Amino acid sequence: MMFETTQEVLARVPFSSPTMYRLIKREQFPRPIKIGRRSYWRPEEVDAALEAFANARR
């Protein structure tokens, strides 16, 4: 299983880092997996969140 770093996720999403963490706090974006001090995301969870945002805008 591959994980994406914070920078890789931010390159894919249409919002900034502070907005991403605000959405995580509101439970509208997946929480990262912490390994040591670093944060990683599962790509399929990020894809699902982006799809949910797209569907909500329709």
N, C-alpha and C. Protein backbone atom coordinates (compact mmCIF):
# COMPACT_ATOMS: atom_id res chain seq x y z
N MET A 1 0.85 -1.18 0.00
CA MET A 1 0.00 0.00 0.00
C MET A 1 0.89 1.24 0.00
N MET A 2 0.59 2.15 -0.86
CA MET A 2 1.36 3.38 -0.96
C MET A 2 0.63 4.50 -0.22
N PHE A 3 1.39 5.41 0.30
CA PHE A 3 0.83 6.57 0.98
C PHE A 3 1.32 7.83 0.29
N GLU A 4 0.58 8.91 0.46
CA GLU A 4 0.98 10.20 -0.09
C GLU A 4 1.38 11.12 1.05
N THR A 5 2.41 11.91 0.80
CA THR A 5 2.86 12.88 1.79
C THR A 5 1.95 14.10 1.74
N THR A 6 2.12 14.98 2.71
CA THR A 6 1.33 16.21 2.75
C THR A 6 1.51 17.01 1.46
N GLN A 7 2.75 17.13 0.99
CA GLN A 7 3.01 17.91 -0.22
C GLN A 7 2.35 17.28 -1.44
N GLU A 8 2.34 15.96 -1.50
CA GLU A 8 1.70 15.28 -2.64
C GLU A 8 0.18 15.48 -2.61
N VAL A 9 -0.40 15.44 -1.43
CA VAL A 9 -1.84 15.66 -1.31
C VAL A 9 -2.16 17.10 -1.70
N LEU A 10 -1.39 18.05 -1.19
CA LEU A 10 -1.65 19.46 -1.50
C LEU A 10 -1.51 19.76 -2.99
N ALA A 11 -0.69 19.00 -3.69
CA ALA A 11 -0.55 19.19 -5.14
C ALA A 11 -1.80 18.73 -5.87
N ARG A 12 -2.59 17.85 -5.25
CA ARG A 12 -3.80 17.29 -5.88
C ARG A 12 -5.08 18.02 -5.52
N VAL A 13 -5.11 18.69 -4.39
CA VAL A 13 -6.36 19.29 -3.93
C VAL A 13 -6.41 20.77 -4.29
N PRO A 14 -7.63 21.31 -4.47
CA PRO A 14 -7.75 22.71 -4.89
C PRO A 14 -7.80 23.70 -3.73
N PHE A 15 -7.11 23.39 -2.63
CA PHE A 15 -7.10 24.32 -1.51
C PHE A 15 -5.76 24.27 -0.79
N SER A 16 -5.56 25.21 0.12
CA SER A 16 -4.29 25.36 0.81
C SER A 16 -4.17 24.42 2.00
N SER A 17 -2.98 24.38 2.57
CA SER A 17 -2.72 23.55 3.75
C SER A 17 -3.61 23.94 4.93
N PRO A 18 -3.73 25.25 5.28
CA PRO A 18 -4.61 25.59 6.40
C PRO A 18 -6.07 25.15 6.16
N THR A 19 -6.53 25.28 4.92
CA THR A 19 -7.90 24.85 4.61
C THR A 19 -8.02 23.35 4.74
N MET A 20 -7.02 22.61 4.30
CA MET A 20 -7.06 21.16 4.41
C MET A 20 -7.17 20.74 5.88
N TYR A 21 -6.37 21.35 6.74
CA TYR A 21 -6.42 20.98 8.16
C TYR A 21 -7.72 21.45 8.82
N ARG A 22 -8.28 22.54 8.34
CA ARG A 22 -9.60 22.98 8.83
C ARG A 22 -10.67 21.95 8.46
N LEU A 23 -10.61 21.44 7.23
CA LEU A 23 -11.56 20.41 6.79
C LEU A 23 -11.37 19.11 7.57
N ILE A 24 -10.14 18.79 7.91
CA ILE A 24 -9.88 17.59 8.74
C ILE A 24 -10.53 17.78 10.10
N LYS A 25 -10.38 18.94 10.68
CA LYS A 25 -10.97 19.22 11.99
C LYS A 25 -12.49 19.11 11.94
N ARG A 26 -13.09 19.53 10.83
CA ARG A 26 -14.55 19.46 10.65
C ARG A 26 -15.00 18.08 10.18
N GLU A 27 -14.05 17.15 10.04
CA GLU A 27 -14.32 15.79 9.57
C GLU A 27 -14.88 15.76 8.16
N GLN A 28 -14.41 16.68 7.32
CA GLN A 28 -14.80 16.73 5.91
C GLN A 28 -13.67 16.28 4.99
N PHE A 29 -12.55 15.93 5.58
CA PHE A 29 -11.41 15.45 4.82
C PHE A 29 -10.75 14.37 5.68
N PRO A 30 -10.20 13.32 5.08
CA PRO A 30 -9.64 12.23 5.88
C PRO A 30 -8.47 12.67 6.75
N ARG A 31 -8.40 12.08 7.92
CA ARG A 31 -7.28 12.34 8.83
C ARG A 31 -6.04 11.62 8.31
N PRO A 32 -4.88 12.23 8.52
CA PRO A 32 -3.65 11.57 8.09
C PRO A 32 -3.27 10.43 9.02
N ILE A 33 -2.42 9.58 8.51
CA ILE A 33 -1.80 8.53 9.31
C ILE A 33 -0.46 9.08 9.74
N LYS A 34 -0.21 9.09 11.02
CA LYS A 34 1.06 9.62 11.53
C LYS A 34 2.06 8.48 11.65
N ILE A 35 3.20 8.67 11.05
CA ILE A 35 4.32 7.74 11.18
C ILE A 35 5.49 8.60 11.64
N GLY A 36 5.82 8.45 12.90
CA GLY A 36 6.81 9.35 13.48
C GLY A 36 6.20 10.75 13.55
N ARG A 37 6.90 11.72 13.05
CA ARG A 37 6.40 13.10 13.03
C ARG A 37 5.74 13.47 11.71
N ARG A 38 5.77 12.55 10.75
CA ARG A 38 5.26 12.84 9.41
C ARG A 38 3.82 12.39 9.25
N SER A 39 3.11 13.04 8.35
CA SER A 39 1.72 12.71 8.05
C SER A 39 1.63 12.11 6.65
N TYR A 40 0.83 11.05 6.53
CA TYR A 40 0.61 10.39 5.25
C TYR A 40 -0.87 10.14 5.06
N TRP A 41 -1.30 10.14 3.81
CA TRP A 41 -2.69 9.86 3.48
C TRP A 41 -2.78 8.68 2.54
N ARG A 42 -3.88 7.95 2.64
CA ARG A 42 -4.17 6.89 1.67
C ARG A 42 -4.76 7.57 0.44
N PRO A 43 -4.20 7.33 -0.74
CA PRO A 43 -4.70 7.98 -1.96
C PRO A 43 -6.19 7.74 -2.20
N GLU A 44 -6.69 6.54 -1.90
CA GLU A 44 -8.10 6.25 -2.14
C GLU A 44 -9.01 7.08 -1.23
N GLU A 45 -8.54 7.41 -0.02
CA GLU A 45 -9.34 8.26 0.87
C GLU A 45 -9.38 9.70 0.35
N VAL A 46 -8.25 10.17 -0.17
CA VAL A 46 -8.20 11.51 -0.75
C VAL A 46 -9.09 11.57 -1.98
N ASP A 47 -9.03 10.53 -2.83
CA ASP A 47 -9.89 10.47 -4.02
C ASP A 47 -11.37 10.52 -3.63
N ALA A 48 -11.74 9.75 -2.59
CA ALA A 48 -13.13 9.72 -2.14
C ALA A 48 -13.57 11.08 -1.63
N ALA A 49 -12.70 11.78 -0.90
CA ALA A 49 -13.04 13.11 -0.40
C ALA A 49 -13.21 14.10 -1.55
N LEU A 50 -12.34 14.03 -2.54
CA LEU A 50 -12.45 14.93 -3.70
C LEU A 50 -13.73 14.63 -4.48
N GLU A 51 -14.08 13.36 -4.60
CA GLU A 51 -15.34 12.98 -5.28
C GLU A 51 -16.53 13.51 -4.50
N ALA A 52 -16.49 13.42 -3.18
CA ALA A 52 -17.58 13.94 -2.35
C ALA A 52 -17.73 15.44 -2.52
N PHE A 53 -16.61 16.16 -2.59
CA PHE A 53 -16.67 17.61 -2.83
C PHE A 53 -17.29 17.91 -4.19
N ALA A 54 -16.91 17.14 -5.20
CA ALA A 54 -17.45 17.35 -6.56
C ALA A 54 -18.94 17.08 -6.59
N ASN A 55 -19.38 16.02 -5.92
CA ASN A 55 -20.80 15.68 -5.87
C ASN A 55 -21.60 16.72 -5.09
N ALA A 56 -21.01 17.28 -4.06
CA ALA A 56 -21.72 18.28 -3.25
C ALA A 56 -21.94 19.58 -4.03
N ARG A 57 -21.09 19.84 -5.01
CA ARG A 57 -21.19 21.07 -5.78
C ARG A 57 -22.18 20.95 -6.92
N ARG A 58 -22.66 19.74 -7.20
CA ARG A 58 -23.60 19.55 -8.31
C ARG A 58 -25.00 19.88 -7.91
